[in-house]
Amino acid sequence: MPSLKKKLAAYLVSLSLVVFSVVPSVSYATSVEERPTAANMVSDAVTRPFLLVGTVLGTVLYVGTLPISLLGGNAGEAGQKLVVEPFKMTFLRCLGCTTRNMGN
């Protein structure tokens, strides 16, 4: 009789694996609307000039390394990381917003 218990246990385990893999899992994630606070806006107004300096330095660095990037075939990636992303963070992001609620 021990073999019958083993077979029954194996059958129940297999059945439960099938049932739990077929039943869709429910996601409770919802979109979060973040509103920047006054403190976020003030700190962002203070840091924007530094972001502008970073954008200018990134552009200078990109232009300086462009011949090497062209040889390596990654000029687009370098431009994205050194010029486009700092530009978006400096000029296109709302005051007090983070990258999560920027809306790209």
C-alpha atoms as a PDB file:
ATOM      1  CA  MET A   1       0.000   0.000   0.000  1.00  0.00           C
ATOM      2  CA  PRO A   2       2.845   2.521   0.366  1.00  0.00           C
ATOM      3  CA  SER A   3       3.091   2.691  -3.411  1.00  0.00           C
ATOM      4  CA  LEU A   4      -0.555   3.769  -3.606  1.00  0.00           C
ATOM      5  CA  LYS A   5       0.142   6.659  -1.203  1.00  0.00           C
ATOM      6  CA  LYS A   6       3.187   7.674  -3.255  1.00  0.00           C
ATOM      7  CA  LYS A   7       1.182   7.567  -6.475  1.00  0.00           C
ATOM      8  CA  LEU A   8      -1.632   9.577  -4.917  1.00  0.00           C
ATOM      9  CA  ALA A   9       0.809  12.157  -3.545  1.00  0.00           C
ATOM     10  CA  ALA A  10       2.572  12.428  -6.905  1.00  0.00           C
ATOM     11  CA  TYR A  11      -0.793  12.811  -8.636  1.00  0.00           C
ATOM     12  CA  LEU A  12      -1.885  15.569  -6.225  1.00  0.00           C
ATOM     13  CA  VAL A  13       1.418  17.409  -6.585  1.00  0.00           C
ATOM     14  CA  SER A  14       1.214  17.211 -10.374  1.00  0.00           C
ATOM     15  CA  LEU A  15      -2.404  18.351 -10.361  1.00  0.00           C
ATOM     16  CA  SER A  16      -1.638  21.305  -8.103  1.00  0.00           C
ATOM     17  CA  LEU A  17       1.299  22.357 -10.289  1.00  0.00           C
ATOM     18  CA  VAL A  18      -0.918  22.294 -13.364  1.00  0.00           C
ATOM     19  CA  VAL A  19      -3.718  24.216 -11.661  1.00  0.00           C
ATOM     20  CA  PHE A  20      -1.433  26.889 -10.236  1.00  0.00           C
ATOM     21  CA  SER A  21       0.437  27.350 -13.508  1.00  0.00           C
ATOM     22  CA  VAL A  22      -2.746  27.690 -15.556  1.00  0.00           C
ATOM     23  CA  VAL A  23      -4.589  30.077 -13.238  1.00  0.00           C
ATOM     24  CA  PRO A  24      -3.491  33.595 -14.193  1.00  0.00           C
ATOM     25  CA  SER A  25      -1.918  35.608 -11.469  1.00  0.00           C
ATOM     26  CA  VAL A  26      -3.626  38.871 -10.655  1.00  0.00           C
ATOM     27  CA  SER A  27      -1.561  42.016 -10.628  1.00  0.00           C
ATOM     28  CA  TYR A  28      -2.418  44.643  -8.070  1.00  0.00           C
ATOM     29  CA  ALA A  29      -0.031  47.226  -9.460  1.00  0.00           C
ATOM     30  CA  THR A  30      -1.605  50.538 -10.326  1.00  0.00           C
ATOM     31  CA  SER A  31      -0.176  53.625 -11.882  1.00  0.00           C
ATOM     32  CA  VAL A  32       0.994  56.168  -9.358  1.00  0.00           C
ATOM     33  CA  GLU A  33       0.442  59.836  -9.981  1.00  0.00           C
ATOM     34  CA  GLU A  34       3.188  61.720  -8.201  1.00  0.00           C
ATOM     35  CA  ARG A  35       2.849  65.414  -7.544  1.00  0.00           C
ATOM     36  CA  PRO A  36       6.049  67.321  -6.799  1.00  0.00           C
ATOM     37  CA  THR A  37       6.102  69.068  -3.463  1.00  0.00           C
ATOM     38  CA  ALA A  38       7.226  72.639  -2.884  1.00  0.00           C
ATOM     39  CA  ALA A  39      10.491  71.348  -1.429  1.00  0.00           C
ATOM     40  CA  ASN A  40      11.113  69.310  -4.588  1.00  0.00           C
ATOM     41  CA  MET A  41      10.502  72.364  -6.737  1.00  0.00           C
ATOM     42  CA  VAL A  42      12.823  74.579  -4.694  1.00  0.00           C
ATOM     43  CA  SER A  43      15.605  71.994  -4.670  1.00  0.00           C
ATOM     44  CA  ASP A  44      15.142  71.492  -8.390  1.00  0.00           C
ATOM     45  CA  ALA A  45      15.391  75.236  -9.030  1.00  0.00           C
ATOM     46  CA  VAL A  46      18.687  75.241  -7.119  1.00  0.00           C
ATOM     47  CA  THR A  47      20.113  72.216  -8.961  1.00  0.00           C
ATOM     48  CA  ARG A  48      19.072  73.155 -12.512  1.00  0.00           C
ATOM     49  CA  PRO A  49      22.132  75.392 -13.070  1.00  0.00           C
ATOM     50  CA  PHE A  50      24.359  72.435 -12.160  1.00  0.00           C
ATOM     51  CA  LEU A  51      22.454  70.269 -14.631  1.00  0.00           C
ATOM     52  CA  LEU A  52      23.052  72.934 -17.274  1.00  0.00           C
ATOM     53  CA  VAL A  53      26.791  72.781 -16.568  1.00  0.00           C
ATOM     54  CA  GLY A  54      26.622  68.989 -16.811  1.00  0.00           C
ATOM     55  CA  THR A  55      24.815  69.236 -20.145  1.00  0.00           C
ATOM     56  CA  VAL A  56      27.466  71.596 -21.538  1.00  0.00           C
ATOM     57  CA  LEU A  57      30.315  69.408 -20.245  1.00  0.00           C
ATOM     58  CA  GLY A  58      28.656  66.299 -21.663  1.00  0.00           C
ATOM     59  CA  THR A  59      28.325  67.979 -25.051  1.00  0.00           C
ATOM     60  CA  VAL A  60      31.979  69.043 -24.995  1.00  0.00           C
ATOM     61  CA  LEU A  61      33.029  65.527 -23.995  1.00  0.00           C
ATOM     62  CA  TYR A  62      30.861  64.018 -26.735  1.00  0.00           C
ATOM     63  CA  VAL A  63      32.329  66.276 -29.422  1.00  0.00           C
ATOM     64  CA  GLY A  64      35.850  65.560 -28.145  1.00  0.00           C
ATOM     65  CA  THR A  65      35.370  61.802 -28.226  1.00  0.00           C
ATOM     66  CA  LEU A  66      33.256  61.692 -31.392  1.00  0.00           C
ATOM     67  CA  PRO A  67      36.045  60.404 -33.680  1.00  0.00           C
ATOM     68  CA  ILE A  68      36.714  57.513 -31.304  1.00  0.00           C
ATOM     69  CA  SER A  69      32.988  56.821 -30.926  1.00  0.00           C
ATOM     70  CA  LEU A  70      32.569  56.750 -34.698  1.00  0.00           C
ATOM     71  CA  LEU A  71      35.401  54.243 -35.005  1.00  0.00           C
ATOM     72  CA  GLY A  72      33.844  52.111 -32.278  1.00  0.00           C
ATOM     73  CA  GLY A  73      30.387  52.353 -33.820  1.00  0.00           C
ATOM     74  CA  ASN A  74      28.689  53.679 -30.706  1.00  0.00           C
ATOM     75  CA  ALA A  75      28.300  57.373 -31.487  1.00  0.00           C
ATOM     76  CA  GLY A  76      24.518  57.127 -31.067  1.00  0.00           C
ATOM     77  CA  GLU A  77      24.760  55.606 -27.588  1.00  0.00           C
ATOM     78  CA  ALA A  78      27.381  58.139 -26.527  1.00  0.00           C
ATOM     79  CA  GLY A  79      25.215  61.003 -27.807  1.00  0.00           C
ATOM     80  CA  GLN A  80      22.204  59.634 -25.950  1.00  0.00           C
ATOM     81  CA  LYS A  81      24.016  59.351 -22.617  1.00  0.00           C
ATOM     82  CA  LEU A  82      26.204  62.459 -22.836  1.00  0.00           C
ATOM     83  CA  VAL A  83      23.927  64.952 -24.597  1.00  0.00           C
ATOM     84  CA  VAL A  84      20.275  63.902 -24.938  1.00  0.00           C
ATOM     85  CA  GLU A  85      19.583  62.598 -21.420  1.00  0.00           C
ATOM     86  CA  PRO A  86      21.217  65.563 -19.617  1.00  0.00           C
ATOM     87  CA  PHE A  87      19.380  67.938 -21.977  1.00  0.00           C
ATOM     88  CA  LYS A  88      16.036  66.327 -21.137  1.00  0.00           C
ATOM     89  CA  MET A  89      16.776  66.453 -17.417  1.00  0.00           C
ATOM     90  CA  THR A  90      17.732  70.120 -17.650  1.00  0.00           C
ATOM     91  CA  PHE A  91      15.175  71.602 -20.031  1.00  0.00           C
ATOM     92  CA  LEU A  92      12.249  69.218 -20.590  1.00  0.00           C
ATOM     93  CA  ARG A  93      11.576  67.873 -17.102  1.00  0.00           C
ATOM     94  CA  CYS A  94       8.951  69.729 -15.086  1.00  0.00           C
ATOM     95  CA  LEU A  95      10.058  71.603 -11.991  1.00  0.00           C
ATOM     96  CA  GLY A  96      10.261  69.157  -9.105  1.00  0.00           C
ATOM     97  CA  CYS A  97       9.571  66.087 -11.234  1.00  0.00           C
ATOM     98  CA  THR A  98      11.702  62.987 -11.084  1.00  0.00           C
ATOM     99  CA  THR A  99      12.595  60.719 -13.974  1.00  0.00           C
ATOM    100  CA  ARG A 100       9.806  58.336 -12.879  1.00  0.00           C
ATOM    101  CA  ASN A 101       7.063  60.866 -13.483  1.00  0.00           C
ATOM    102  CA  MET A 102       8.761  62.785 -16.280  1.00  0.00           C
ATOM    103  CA  GLY A 103       6.671  61.191 -19.011  1.00  0.00           C
ATOM    104  CA  ASN A 104       9.675  60.919 -21.394  1.00  0.00           C
END
